[in-house]
Amino acid sequence: MDLKGAKELLHIQAWLVRTDEIVRRGKDAYLADALLQEAGDSLMMKLGEAANRLSRLGVLAPDGVEWALAVANRNFIIHQYDEINRELTWLTLASDLQAWEASLRGLFDEAAATLPPDA
């Protein structure tokens, strides 16, 4: 794995930890808090951009992860922000992205091993 791909994967890993923090607060808290919603949007946009970069680098997504869907979600949030359905963004955060952690575990481990200790 090249250094760029490793860094993108480790960014994804950190962002998934943050999505988990949002999810642990619960759906009701998420739906009632515009700041949590904006945080979730930001994380999904970053994940989509990282997915786009990984796809261009030729990093294959494992089962349970689709780079193209993450990119499409990013584009929707950026360009159709006035049409966002909070029930759907909650499902993305609580279901889809929660499953990414397990699916990407092997790539996260490979990425961590790729980076030099001081990176």
PDB file of N, CA and C in Angstrom:
ATOM      1  N   MET A   1       0.853  -1.174   0.000  1.00  0.00           N
ATOM      2  CA  MET A   1       0.000   0.000   0.000  1.00  0.00           C
ATOM      3  C   MET A   1       0.900   1.239   0.000  1.00  0.00           C
ATOM      4  N   ASP A   2       0.517   2.230  -0.798  1.00  0.00           N
ATOM      5  CA  ASP A   2       1.328   3.445  -0.822  1.00  0.00           C
ATOM      6  C   ASP A   2       0.954   4.363   0.338  1.00  0.00           C
ATOM      7  N   LEU A   3       1.803   5.332   0.570  1.00  0.00           N
ATOM      8  CA  LEU A   3       1.653   6.233   1.707  1.00  0.00           C
ATOM      9  C   LEU A   3       0.362   7.046   1.643  1.00  0.00           C
ATOM     10  N   LYS A   4       0.003   7.524   0.453  1.00  0.00           N
ATOM     11  CA  LYS A   4      -1.230   8.317   0.309  1.00  0.00           C
ATOM     12  C   LYS A   4      -2.455   7.496   0.686  1.00  0.00           C
ATOM     13  N   GLY A   5      -2.527   6.271   0.175  1.00  0.00           N
ATOM     14  CA  GLY A   5      -3.651   5.396   0.493  1.00  0.00           C
ATOM     15  C   GLY A   5      -3.716   5.083   1.975  1.00  0.00           C
ATOM     16  N   ALA A   6      -2.555   4.839   2.572  1.00  0.00           N
ATOM     17  CA  ALA A   6      -2.513   4.534   4.006  1.00  0.00           C
ATOM     18  C   ALA A   6      -3.035   5.707   4.821  1.00  0.00           C
ATOM     19  N   LYS A   7      -2.616   6.915   4.467  1.00  0.00           N
ATOM     20  CA  LYS A   7      -3.082   8.093   5.202  1.00  0.00           C
ATOM     21  C   LYS A   7      -4.587   8.285   5.065  1.00  0.00           C
ATOM     22  N   GLU A   8      -5.112   8.082   3.856  1.00  0.00           N
ATOM     23  CA  GLU A   8      -6.565   8.211   3.651  1.00  0.00           C
ATOM     24  C   GLU A   8      -7.327   7.200   4.507  1.00  0.00           C
ATOM     25  N   LEU A   9      -6.832   5.977   4.521  1.00  0.00           N
ATOM     26  CA  LEU A   9      -7.513   4.946   5.321  1.00  0.00           C
ATOM     27  C   LEU A   9      -7.486   5.269   6.812  1.00  0.00           C
ATOM     28  N   LEU A  10      -6.393   5.802   7.287  1.00  0.00           N
ATOM     29  CA  LEU A  10      -6.325   6.143   8.705  1.00  0.00           C
ATOM     30  C   LEU A  10      -7.180   7.362   9.035  1.00  0.00           C
ATOM     31  N   HIS A  11      -7.347   8.260   8.071  1.00  0.00           N
ATOM     32  CA  HIS A  11      -8.320   9.341   8.263  1.00  0.00           C
ATOM     33  C   HIS A  11      -9.724   8.751   8.386  1.00  0.00           C
ATOM     34  N   ILE A  12     -10.052   7.836   7.499  1.00  0.00           N
ATOM     35  CA  ILE A  12     -11.370   7.189   7.555  1.00  0.00           C
ATOM     36  C   ILE A  12     -11.576   6.532   8.915  1.00  0.00           C
ATOM     37  N   GLN A  13     -10.572   5.827   9.388  1.00  0.00           N
ATOM     38  CA  GLN A  13     -10.695   5.159  10.677  1.00  0.00           C
ATOM     39  C   GLN A  13     -11.021   6.177  11.782  1.00  0.00           C
ATOM     40  N   ALA A  14     -10.330   7.304  11.800  1.00  0.00           N
ATOM     41  CA  ALA A  14     -10.587   8.329  12.821  1.00  0.00           C
ATOM     42  C   ALA A  14     -11.980   8.930  12.670  1.00  0.00           C
ATOM     43  N   TRP A  15     -12.408   9.155  11.437  1.00  0.00           N
ATOM     44  CA  TRP A  15     -13.734   9.727  11.225  1.00  0.00           C
ATOM     45  C   TRP A  15     -14.835   8.751  11.618  1.00  0.00           C
ATOM     46  N   LEU A  16     -14.597   7.458  11.444  1.00  0.00           N
ATOM     47  CA  LEU A  16     -15.592   6.467  11.864  1.00  0.00           C
ATOM     48  C   LEU A  16     -15.740   6.458  13.380  1.00  0.00           C
ATOM     49  N   VAL A  17     -14.661   6.716  14.097  1.00  0.00           N
ATOM     50  CA  VAL A  17     -14.756   6.840  15.563  1.00  0.00           C
ATOM     51  C   VAL A  17     -15.676   8.006  15.913  1.00  0.00           C
ATOM     52  N   ARG A  18     -15.548   9.097  15.192  1.00  0.00           N
ATOM     53  CA  ARG A  18     -16.393  10.261  15.450  1.00  0.00           C
ATOM     54  C   ARG A  18     -17.852  10.002  15.080  1.00  0.00           C
ATOM     55  N   THR A  19     -18.073   9.267  13.985  1.00  0.00           N
ATOM     56  CA  THR A  19     -19.470   8.947  13.647  1.00  0.00           C
ATOM     57  C   THR A  19     -20.080   8.089  14.742  1.00  0.00           C
ATOM     58  N   ASP A  20     -19.276   7.207  15.308  1.00  0.00           N
ATOM     59  CA  ASP A  20     -19.761   6.373  16.404  1.00  0.00           C
ATOM     60  C   ASP A  20     -20.143   7.233  17.610  1.00  0.00           C
ATOM     61  N   GLU A  21     -19.398   8.293  17.865  1.00  0.00           N
ATOM     62  CA  GLU A  21     -19.732   9.198  18.970  1.00  0.00           C
ATOM     63  C   GLU A  21     -21.094   9.838  18.750  1.00  0.00           C
ATOM     64  N   ILE A  22     -21.394  10.206  17.520  1.00  0.00           N
ATOM     65  CA  ILE A  22     -22.709  10.768  17.202  1.00  0.00           C
ATOM     66  C   ILE A  22     -23.787   9.719  17.416  1.00  0.00           C
ATOM     67  N   VAL A  23     -23.557   8.525  16.901  1.00  0.00           N
ATOM     68  CA  VAL A  23     -24.551   7.454  16.995  1.00  0.00           C
ATOM     69  C   VAL A  23     -24.826   7.080  18.458  1.00  0.00           C
ATOM     70  N   ARG A  24     -23.791   7.060  19.284  1.00  0.00           N
ATOM     71  CA  ARG A  24     -23.985   6.706  20.697  1.00  0.00           C
ATOM     72  C   ARG A  24     -24.893   7.695  21.426  1.00  0.00           C
ATOM     73  N   ARG A  25     -25.007   8.896  20.921  1.00  0.00           N
ATOM     74  CA  ARG A  25     -25.915   9.870  21.537  1.00  0.00           C
ATOM     75  C   ARG A  25     -27.379   9.535  21.257  1.00  0.00           C
ATOM     76  N   GLY A  26     -27.609   8.752  20.208  1.00  0.00           N
ATOM     77  CA  GLY A  26     -28.953   8.284  19.896  1.00  0.00           C
ATOM     78  C   GLY A  26     -29.646   9.089  18.813  1.00  0.00           C
ATOM     79  N   LYS A  27     -30.604   8.440  18.216  1.00  0.00           N
ATOM     80  CA  LYS A  27     -31.343   9.038  17.105  1.00  0.00           C
ATOM     81  C   LYS A  27     -32.097  10.290  17.529  1.00  0.00           C
ATOM     82  N   ASP A  28     -32.761  10.240  18.674  1.00  0.00           N
ATOM     83  CA  ASP A  28     -33.540  11.408  19.112  1.00  0.00           C
ATOM     84  C   ASP A  28     -32.636  12.623  19.305  1.00  0.00           C
ATOM     85  N   ALA A  29     -31.474  12.415  19.918  1.00  0.00           N
ATOM     86  CA  ALA A  29     -30.536  13.523  20.119  1.00  0.00           C
ATOM     87  C   ALA A  29     -30.064  14.058  18.772  1.00  0.00           C
ATOM     88  N   TYR A  30     -29.764  13.164  17.851  1.00  0.00           N
ATOM     89  CA  TYR A  30     -29.308  13.566  16.521  1.00  0.00           C
ATOM     90  C   TYR A  30     -30.375  14.389  15.802  1.00  0.00           C
ATOM     91  N   LEU A  31     -31.607  13.903  15.799  1.00  0.00           N
ATOM     92  CA  LEU A  31     -32.675  14.590  15.078  1.00  0.00           C
ATOM     93  C   LEU A  31     -33.026  15.940  15.707  1.00  0.00           C
ATOM     94  N   ALA A  32     -32.740  16.100  16.994  1.00  0.00           N
ATOM     95  CA  ALA A  32     -33.076  17.343  17.694  1.00  0.00           C
ATOM     96  C   ALA A  32     -31.944  18.366  17.699  1.00  0.00           C
ATOM     97  N   ASP A  33     -30.766  17.978  17.256  1.00  0.00           N
ATOM     98  CA  ASP A  33     -29.589  18.838  17.404  1.00  0.00           C
ATOM     99  C   ASP A  33     -28.971  19.163  16.046  1.00  0.00           C
ATOM    100  N   ALA A  34     -29.159  20.403  15.612  1.00  0.00           N
ATOM    101  CA  ALA A  34     -28.627  20.819  14.307  1.00  0.00           C
ATOM    102  C   ALA A  34     -27.102  20.720  14.259  1.00  0.00           C
ATOM    103  N   LEU A  35     -26.443  20.928  15.376  1.00  0.00           N
ATOM    104  CA  LEU A  35     -24.985  20.837  15.390  1.00  0.00           C
ATOM    105  C   LEU A  35     -24.516  19.397  15.169  1.00  0.00           C
ATOM    106  N   LEU A  36     -25.190  18.428  15.783  1.00  0.00           N
ATOM    107  CA  LEU A  36     -24.863  17.020  15.531  1.00  0.00           C
ATOM    108  C   LEU A  36     -25.110  16.661  14.067  1.00  0.00           C
ATOM    109  N   GLN A  37     -26.182  17.188  13.512  1.00  0.00           N
ATOM    110  CA  GLN A  37     -26.478  16.926  12.109  1.00  0.00           C
ATOM    111  C   GLN A  37     -25.386  17.491  11.208  1.00  0.00           C
ATOM    112  N   GLU A  38     -24.956  18.706  11.491  1.00  0.00           N
ATOM    113  CA  GLU A  38     -23.874  19.311  10.706  1.00  0.00           C
ATOM    114  C   GLU A  38     -22.572  18.527  10.868  1.00  0.00           C
ATOM    115  N   ALA A  39     -22.306  18.059  12.078  1.00  0.00           N
ATOM    116  CA  ALA A  39     -21.108  17.239  12.313  1.00  0.00           C
ATOM    117  C   ALA A  39     -21.184  15.951  11.494  1.00  0.00           C
ATOM    118  N   GLY A  40     -22.341  15.322  11.501  1.00  0.00           N
ATOM    119  CA  GLY A  40     -22.526  14.104  10.706  1.00  0.00           C
ATOM    120  C   GLY A  40     -22.341  14.369   9.225  1.00  0.00           C
ATOM    121  N   ASP A  41     -22.895  15.494   8.744  1.00  0.00           N
ATOM    122  CA  ASP A  41     -22.726  15.859   7.333  1.00  0.00           C
ATOM    123  C   ASP A  41     -21.244  16.035   6.997  1.00  0.00           C
ATOM    124  N   SER A  42     -20.544  16.746   7.861  1.00  0.00           N
ATOM    125  CA  SER A  42     -19.127  16.987   7.630  1.00  0.00           C
ATOM    126  C   SER A  42     -18.350  15.674   7.548  1.00  0.00           C
ATOM    127  N   LEU A  43     -18.636  14.776   8.460  1.00  0.00           N
ATOM    128  CA  LEU A  43     -17.947  13.484   8.451  1.00  0.00           C
ATOM    129  C   LEU A  43     -18.272  12.692   7.193  1.00  0.00           C
ATOM    130  N   MET A  44     -19.538  12.701   6.777  1.00  0.00           N
ATOM    131  CA  MET A  44     -19.906  11.970   5.567  1.00  0.00           C
ATOM    132  C   MET A  44     -19.268  12.578   4.324  1.00  0.00           C
ATOM    133  N   MET A  45     -19.135  13.905   4.304  1.00  0.00           N
ATOM    134  CA  MET A  45     -18.460  14.544   3.166  1.00  0.00           C
ATOM    135  C   MET A  45     -16.983  14.161   3.136  1.00  0.00           C
ATOM    136  N   LYS A  46     -16.342  14.170   4.292  1.00  0.00           N
ATOM    137  CA  LYS A  46     -14.930  13.786   4.351  1.00  0.00           C
ATOM    138  C   LYS A  46     -14.745  12.323   3.953  1.00  0.00           C
ATOM    139  N   LEU A  47     -15.628  11.463   4.437  1.00  0.00           N
ATOM    140  CA  LEU A  47     -15.545  10.047   4.078  1.00  0.00           C
ATOM    141  C   LEU A  47     -15.729   9.851   2.582  1.00  0.00           C
ATOM    142  N   GLY A  48     -16.648  10.599   1.996  1.00  0.00           N
ATOM    143  CA  GLY A  48     -16.867  10.504   0.556  1.00  0.00           C
ATOM    144  C   GLY A  48     -15.671  10.972  -0.245  1.00  0.00           C
ATOM    145  N   GLU A  49     -15.036  12.046   0.210  1.00  0.00           N
ATOM    146  CA  GLU A  49     -13.848  12.532  -0.491  1.00  0.00           C
ATOM    147  C   GLU A  49     -12.701  11.534  -0.358  1.00  0.00           C
ATOM    148  N   ALA A  50     -12.527  10.975   0.828  1.00  0.00           N
ATOM    149  CA  ALA A  50     -11.474   9.964   1.023  1.00  0.00           C
ATOM    150  C   ALA A  50     -11.762   8.733   0.161  1.00  0.00           C
ATOM    151  N   ALA A  51     -13.026   8.330   0.074  1.00  0.00           N
ATOM    152  CA  ALA A  51     -13.399   7.195  -0.776  1.00  0.00           C
ATOM    153  C   ALA A  51     -13.057   7.483  -2.234  1.00  0.00           C
ATOM    154  N   ASN A  52     -13.301   8.700  -2.665  1.00  0.00           N
ATOM    155  CA  ASN A  52     -12.976   9.103  -4.031  1.00  0.00           C
ATOM    156  C   ASN A  52     -11.467   9.006  -4.273  1.00  0.00           C
ATOM    157  N   ARG A  53     -10.694   9.490  -3.335  1.00  0.00           N
ATOM    158  CA  ARG A  53      -9.233   9.433  -3.473  1.00  0.00           C
ATOM    159  C   ARG A  53      -8.728   7.990  -3.487  1.00  0.00           C
ATOM    160  N   LEU A  54      -9.301   7.158  -2.604  1.00  0.00           N
ATOM    161  CA  LEU A  54      -8.877   5.757  -2.562  1.00  0.00           C
ATOM    162  C   LEU A  54      -9.227   5.037  -3.855  1.00  0.00           C
ATOM    163  N   SER A  55     -10.395   5.335  -4.375  1.00  0.00           N
ATOM    164  CA  SER A  55     -10.801   4.738  -5.651  1.00  0.00           C
ATOM    165  C   SER A  55      -9.822   5.122  -6.756  1.00  0.00           C
ATOM    166  N   ARG A  56      -9.438   6.394  -6.804  1.00  0.00           N
ATOM    167  CA  ARG A  56      -8.478   6.858  -7.821  1.00  0.00           C
ATOM    168  C   ARG A  56      -7.099   6.233  -7.627  1.00  0.00           C
ATOM    169  N   LEU A  57      -6.761   5.894  -6.385  1.00  0.00           N
ATOM    170  CA  LEU A  57      -5.483   5.239  -6.107  1.00  0.00           C
ATOM    171  C   LEU A  57      -5.517   3.740  -6.396  1.00  0.00           C
ATOM    172  N   GLY A  58      -6.706   3.234  -6.719  1.00  0.00           N
ATOM    173  CA  GLY A  58      -6.838   1.815  -7.027  1.00  0.00           C
ATOM    174  C   GLY A  58      -7.001   0.923  -5.813  1.00  0.00           C
ATOM    175  N   VAL A  59      -7.332   1.511  -4.671  1.00  0.00           N
ATOM    176  CA  VAL A  59      -7.579   0.710  -3.462  1.00  0.00           C
ATOM    177  C   VAL A  59      -8.983   0.136  -3.571  1.00  0.00           C
ATOM    178  N   LEU A  60      -9.076  -1.169  -3.615  1.00  0.00           N
ATOM    179  CA  LEU A  60     -10.371  -1.823  -3.755  1.00  0.00           C
ATOM    180  C   LEU A  60     -11.113  -1.818  -2.427  1.00  0.00           C
ATOM    181  N   ALA A  61     -12.386  -1.488  -2.495  1.00  0.00           N
ATOM    182  CA  ALA A  61     -13.229  -1.500  -1.298  1.00  0.00           C
ATOM    183  C   ALA A  61     -13.562  -2.949  -0.937  1.00  0.00           C
ATOM    184  N   PRO A  62     -13.491  -3.287   0.340  1.00  0.00           N
ATOM    185  CA  PRO A  62     -13.857  -4.635   0.754  1.00  0.00           C
ATOM    186  C   PRO A  62     -15.377  -4.818   0.743  1.00  0.00           C
ATOM    187  N   ASP A  63     -15.820  -6.046   0.893  1.00  0.00           N
ATOM    188  CA  ASP A  63     -17.260  -6.317   0.985  1.00  0.00           C
ATOM    189  C   ASP A  63     -17.865  -5.455   2.087  1.00  0.00           C
ATOM    190  N   GLY A  64     -19.030  -4.885   1.797  1.00  0.00           N
ATOM    191  CA  GLY A  64     -19.719  -4.055   2.778  1.00  0.00           C
ATOM    192  C   GLY A  64     -19.402  -2.577   2.657  1.00  0.00           C
ATOM    193  N   VAL A  65     -18.483  -2.230   1.766  1.00  0.00           N
ATOM    194  CA  VAL A  65     -18.095  -0.834   1.553  1.00  0.00           C
ATOM    195  C   VAL A  65     -18.140  -0.568   0.056  1.00  0.00           C
ATOM    196  N   GLU A  66     -18.786   0.525  -0.329  1.00  0.00           N
ATOM    197  CA  GLU A  66     -18.817   0.912  -1.736  1.00  0.00           C
ATOM    198  C   GLU A  66     -18.338   2.347  -1.849  1.00  0.00           C
ATOM    199  N   TRP A  67     -17.127   2.514  -2.401  1.00  0.00           N
ATOM    200  CA  TRP A  67     -16.583   3.854  -2.545  1.00  0.00           C
ATOM    201  C   TRP A  67     -17.544   4.750  -3.323  1.00  0.00           C
ATOM    202  N   ALA A  68     -18.126   4.230  -4.400  1.00  0.00           N
ATOM    203  CA  ALA A  68     -18.983   5.048  -5.264  1.00  0.00           C
ATOM    204  C   ALA A  68     -20.196   5.588  -4.517  1.00  0.00           C
ATOM    205  N   LEU A  69     -20.772   4.798  -3.624  1.00  0.00           N
ATOM    206  CA  LEU A  69     -21.928   5.284  -2.858  1.00  0.00           C
ATOM    207  C   LEU A  69     -21.514   6.373  -1.873  1.00  0.00           C
ATOM    208  N   ALA A  70     -20.344   6.228  -1.281  1.00  0.00           N
ATOM    209  CA  ALA A  70     -19.853   7.260  -0.363  1.00  0.00           C
ATOM    210  C   ALA A  70     -19.605   8.562  -1.117  1.00  0.00           C
ATOM    211  N   VAL A  71     -19.064   8.459  -2.323  1.00  0.00           N
ATOM    212  CA  VAL A  71     -18.819   9.650  -3.143  1.00  0.00           C
ATOM    213  C   VAL A  71     -20.149  10.285  -3.539  1.00  0.00           C
ATOM    214  N   ALA A  72     -21.109   9.473  -3.934  1.00  0.00           N
ATOM    215  CA  ALA A  72     -22.428  10.000  -4.316  1.00  0.00           C
ATOM    216  C   ALA A  72     -23.095  10.690  -3.119  1.00  0.00           C
ATOM    217  N   ASN A  73     -22.957  10.107  -1.937  1.00  0.00           N
ATOM    218  CA  ASN A  73     -23.520  10.712  -0.727  1.00  0.00           C
ATOM    219  C   ASN A  73     -22.860  12.063  -0.457  1.00  0.00           C
ATOM    220  N   ARG A  74     -21.537  12.118  -0.596  1.00  0.00           N
ATOM    221  CA  ARG A  74     -20.800  13.370  -0.424  1.00  0.00           C
ATOM    222  C   ARG A  74     -21.335  14.432  -1.371  1.00  0.00           C
ATOM    223  N   ASN A  75     -21.472  14.062  -2.633  1.00  0.00           N
ATOM    224  CA  ASN A  75     -21.942  15.010  -3.641  1.00  0.00           C
ATOM    225  C   ASN A  75     -23.352  15.498  -3.344  1.00  0.00           C
ATOM    226  N   PHE A  76     -24.199  14.598  -2.890  1.00  0.00           N
ATOM    227  CA  PHE A  76     -25.568  14.982  -2.556  1.00  0.00           C
ATOM    228  C   PHE A  76     -25.573  15.985  -1.406  1.00  0.00           C
ATOM    229  N   ILE A  77     -24.829  15.690  -0.357  1.00  0.00           N
ATOM    230  CA  ILE A  77     -24.801  16.589   0.802  1.00  0.00           C
ATOM    231  C   ILE A  77     -24.277  17.968   0.410  1.00  0.00           C
ATOM    232  N   ILE A  78     -23.270  17.998  -0.445  1.00  0.00           N
ATOM    233  CA  ILE A  78     -22.684  19.273  -0.860  1.00  0.00           C
ATOM    234  C   ILE A  78     -23.621  20.047  -1.794  1.00  0.00           C
ATOM    235  N   HIS A  79     -24.219  19.362  -2.754  1.00  0.00           N
ATOM    236  CA  HIS A  79     -24.957  20.058  -3.803  1.00  0.00           C
ATOM    237  C   HIS A  79     -26.466  20.139  -3.575  1.00  0.00           C
ATOM    238  N   GLN A  80     -27.008  19.199  -2.825  1.00  0.00           N
ATOM    239  CA  GLN A  80     -28.447  19.224  -2.544  1.00  0.00           C
ATOM    240  C   GLN A  80     -28.703  19.344  -1.044  1.00  0.00           C
ATOM    241  N   TYR A  81     -27.908  20.179  -0.387  1.00  0.00           N
ATOM    242  CA  TYR A  81     -28.006  20.329   1.063  1.00  0.00           C
ATOM    243  C   TYR A  81     -29.402  20.742   1.516  1.00  0.00           C
ATOM    244  N   ASP A  82     -30.148  21.385   0.639  1.00  0.00           N
ATOM    245  CA  ASP A  82     -31.502  21.815   0.995  1.00  0.00           C
ATOM    246  C   ASP A  82     -32.525  20.683   0.879  1.00  0.00           C
ATOM    247  N   GLU A  83     -32.089  19.514   0.423  1.00  0.00           N
ATOM    248  CA  GLU A  83     -32.986  18.367   0.274  1.00  0.00           C
ATOM    249  C   GLU A  83     -32.619  17.208   1.204  1.00  0.00           C
ATOM    250  N   ILE A  84     -31.731  17.454   2.142  1.00  0.00           N
ATOM    251  CA  ILE A  84     -31.268  16.381   3.023  1.00  0.00           C
ATOM    252  C   ILE A  84     -32.412  15.867   3.892  1.00  0.00           C
ATOM    253  N   ASN A  85     -32.538  14.567   3.933  1.00  0.00           N
ATOM    254  CA  ASN A  85     -33.527  13.888   4.763  1.00  0.00           C
ATOM    255  C   ASN A  85     -32.791  13.356   5.989  1.00  0.00           C
ATOM    256  N   ARG A  86     -33.087  13.890   7.145  1.00  0.00           N
ATOM    257  CA  ARG A  86     -32.365  13.527   8.363  1.00  0.00           C
ATOM    258  C   ARG A  86     -32.590  12.082   8.789  1.00  0.00           C
ATOM    259  N   GLU A  87     -33.703  11.499   8.453  1.00  0.00           N
ATOM    260  CA  GLU A  87     -33.908  10.068   8.732  1.00  0.00           C
ATOM    261  C   GLU A  87     -32.894   9.236   7.929  1.00  0.00           C
ATOM    262  N   LEU A  88     -32.645   9.649   6.688  1.00  0.00           N
ATOM    263  CA  LEU A  88     -31.687   8.920   5.850  1.00  0.00           C
ATOM    264  C   LEU A  88     -30.251   9.146   6.289  1.00  0.00           C
ATOM    265  N   THR A  89     -29.924  10.381   6.682  1.00  0.00           N
ATOM    266  CA  THR A  89     -28.552  10.593   7.143  1.00  0.00           C
ATOM    267  C   THR A  89     -28.310   9.831   8.441  1.00  0.00           C
ATOM    268  N   TRP A  90     -29.341   9.741   9.283  1.00  0.00           N
ATOM    269  CA  TRP A  90     -29.194   8.938  10.503  1.00  0.00           C
ATOM    270  C   TRP A  90     -28.920   7.479  10.140  1.00  0.00           C
ATOM    271  N   LEU A  91     -29.659   6.938   9.194  1.00  0.00           N
ATOM    272  CA  LEU A  91     -29.444   5.546   8.785  1.00  0.00           C
ATOM    273  C   LEU A  91     -28.035   5.337   8.237  1.00  0.00           C
ATOM    274  N   THR A  92     -27.558   6.301   7.483  1.00  0.00           N
ATOM    275  CA  THR A  92     -26.191   6.194   6.964  1.00  0.00           C
ATOM    276  C   THR A  92     -25.195   6.146   8.113  1.00  0.00           C
ATOM    277  N   LEU A  93     -25.343   7.061   9.067  1.00  0.00           N
ATOM    278  CA  LEU A  93     -24.432   7.099  10.210  1.00  0.00           C
ATOM    279  C   LEU A  93     -24.559   5.854  11.088  1.00  0.00           C
ATOM    280  N   ALA A  94     -25.788   5.469  11.381  1.00  0.00           N
ATOM    281  CA  ALA A  94     -26.036   4.404  12.366  1.00  0.00           C
ATOM    282  C   ALA A  94     -25.915   2.999  11.797  1.00  0.00           C
ATOM    283  N   SER A  95     -26.123   2.839  10.508  1.00  0.00           N
ATOM    284  CA  SER A  95     -26.080   1.492   9.924  1.00  0.00           C
ATOM    285  C   SER A  95     -24.899   1.326   8.974  1.00  0.00           C
ATOM    286  N   ASP A  96     -24.936   2.074   7.891  1.00  0.00           N
ATOM    287  CA  ASP A  96     -23.925   1.892   6.846  1.00  0.00           C
ATOM    288  C   ASP A  96     -22.513   2.130   7.365  1.00  0.00           C
ATOM    289  N   LEU A  97     -22.288   3.261   7.995  1.00  0.00           N
ATOM    290  CA  LEU A  97     -20.937   3.598   8.425  1.00  0.00           C
ATOM    291  C   LEU A  97     -20.487   2.779   9.629  1.00  0.00           C
ATOM    292  N   GLN A  98     -21.413   2.331  10.446  1.00  0.00           N
ATOM    293  CA  GLN A  98     -21.045   1.467  11.562  1.00  0.00           C
ATOM    294  C   GLN A  98     -20.488   0.140  11.048  1.00  0.00           C
ATOM    295  N   ALA A  99     -21.018  -0.320   9.911  1.00  0.00           N
ATOM    296  CA  ALA A  99     -20.541  -1.577   9.324  1.00  0.00           C
ATOM    297  C   ALA A  99     -19.173  -1.420   8.657  1.00  0.00           C
ATOM    298  N   TRP A 100     -18.808  -0.203   8.294  1.00  0.00           N
ATOM    299  CA  TRP A 100     -17.522   0.017   7.640  1.00  0.00           C
ATOM    300  C   TRP A 100     -16.356  -0.389   8.517  1.00  0.00           C
ATOM    301  N   GLU A 101     -16.444  -0.119   9.796  1.00  0.00           N
ATOM    302  CA  GLU A 101     -15.319  -0.404  10.706  1.00  0.00           C
ATOM    303  C   GLU A 101     -14.855  -1.852  10.575  1.00  0.00           C
ATOM    304  N   ALA A 102     -15.785  -2.785  10.669  1.00  0.00           N
ATOM    305  CA  ALA A 102     -15.423  -4.206  10.572  1.00  0.00           C
ATOM    306  C   ALA A 102     -14.928  -4.554   9.173  1.00  0.00           C
ATOM    307  N   SER A 103     -15.593  -4.017   8.160  1.00  0.00           N
ATOM    308  CA  SER A 103     -15.213  -4.335   6.784  1.00  0.00           C
ATOM    309  C   SER A 103     -13.825  -3.811   6.434  1.00  0.00           C
ATOM    310  N   LEU A 104     -13.468  -2.668   6.987  1.00  0.00           N
ATOM    311  CA  LEU A 104     -12.197  -2.029   6.656  1.00  0.00           C
ATOM    312  C   LEU A 104     -11.055  -2.388   7.607  1.00  0.00           C
ATOM    313  N   ARG A 105     -11.330  -3.199   8.613  1.00  0.00           N
ATOM    314  CA  ARG A 105     -10.325  -3.521   9.636  1.00  0.00           C
ATOM    315  C   ARG A 105      -8.992  -3.972   9.026  1.00  0.00           C
ATOM    316  N   GLY A 106      -9.016  -4.875   8.078  1.00  0.00           N
ATOM    317  CA  GLY A 106      -7.784  -5.368   7.463  1.00  0.00           C
ATOM    318  C   GLY A 106      -7.003  -4.260   6.760  1.00  0.00           C
ATOM    319  N   LEU A 107      -7.721  -3.386   6.048  1.00  0.00           N
ATOM    320  CA  LEU A 107      -7.054  -2.273   5.381  1.00  0.00           C
ATOM    321  C   LEU A 107      -6.502  -1.267   6.392  1.00  0.00           C
ATOM    322  N   PHE A 108      -7.228  -1.053   7.493  1.00  0.00           N
ATOM    323  CA  PHE A 108      -6.720  -0.154   8.533  1.00  0.00           C
ATOM    324  C   PHE A 108      -5.419  -0.698   9.118  1.00  0.00           C
ATOM    325  N   ASP A 109      -5.387  -1.994   9.369  1.00  0.00           N
ATOM    326  CA  ASP A 109      -4.172  -2.610   9.915  1.00  0.00           C
ATOM    327  C   ASP A 109      -3.013  -2.495   8.928  1.00  0.00           C
ATOM    328  N   GLU A 110      -3.302  -2.740   7.652  1.00  0.00           N
ATOM    329  CA  GLU A 110      -2.262  -2.624   6.624  1.00  0.00           C
ATOM    330  C   GLU A 110      -1.772  -1.175   6.517  1.00  0.00           C
ATOM    331  N   ALA A 111      -2.696  -0.222   6.589  1.00  0.00           N
ATOM    332  CA  ALA A 111      -2.317   1.184   6.523  1.00  0.00           C
ATOM    333  C   ALA A 111      -1.434   1.585   7.692  1.00  0.00           C
ATOM    334  N   ALA A 112      -1.789   1.142   8.882  1.00  0.00           N
ATOM    335  CA  ALA A 112      -0.991   1.462  10.069  1.00  0.00           C
ATOM    336  C   ALA A 112       0.414   0.892   9.954  1.00  0.00           C
ATOM    337  N   ALA A 113       0.526  -0.288   9.387  1.00  0.00           N
ATOM    338  CA  ALA A 113       1.830  -0.921   9.217  1.00  0.00           C
ATOM    339  C   ALA A 113       2.652  -0.244   8.113  1.00  0.00           C
ATOM    340  N   THR A 114       1.982   0.429   7.187  1.00  0.00           N
ATOM    341  CA  THR A 114       2.658   1.087   6.075  1.00  0.00           C
ATOM    342  C   THR A 114       3.330   2.384   6.484  1.00  0.00           C
ATOM    343  N   LEU A 115       2.705   3.108   7.414  1.00  0.00           N
ATOM    344  CA  LEU A 115       3.232   4.407   7.799  1.00  0.00           C
ATOM    345  C   LEU A 115       4.476   4.275   8.666  1.00  0.00           C
ATOM    346  N   PRO A 116       5.455   5.134   8.428  1.00  0.00           N
ATOM    347  CA  PRO A 116       6.611   5.144   9.323  1.00  0.00           C
ATOM    348  C   PRO A 116       6.188   5.607  10.710  1.00  0.00           C
ATOM    349  N   PRO A 117       6.927   5.244  11.750  1.00  0.00           N
ATOM    350  CA  PRO A 117       6.533   5.570  13.124  1.00  0.00           C
ATOM    351  C   PRO A 117       6.326   7.066  13.384  1.00  0.00           C
ATOM    352  N   ASP A 118       7.000   7.929  12.652  1.00  0.00           N
ATOM    353  CA  ASP A 118       6.880   9.358  12.913  1.00  0.00           C
ATOM    354  C   ASP A 118       5.866  10.062  12.028  1.00  0.00           C
ATOM    355  N   ALA A 119       5.107   9.310  11.224  1.00  0.00           N
ATOM    356  CA  ALA A 119       4.157   9.935  10.280  1.00  0.00           C
ATOM    357  C   ALA A 119       2.876  10.354  10.965  1.00  0.00           C
TER     358      ALA A 119
END
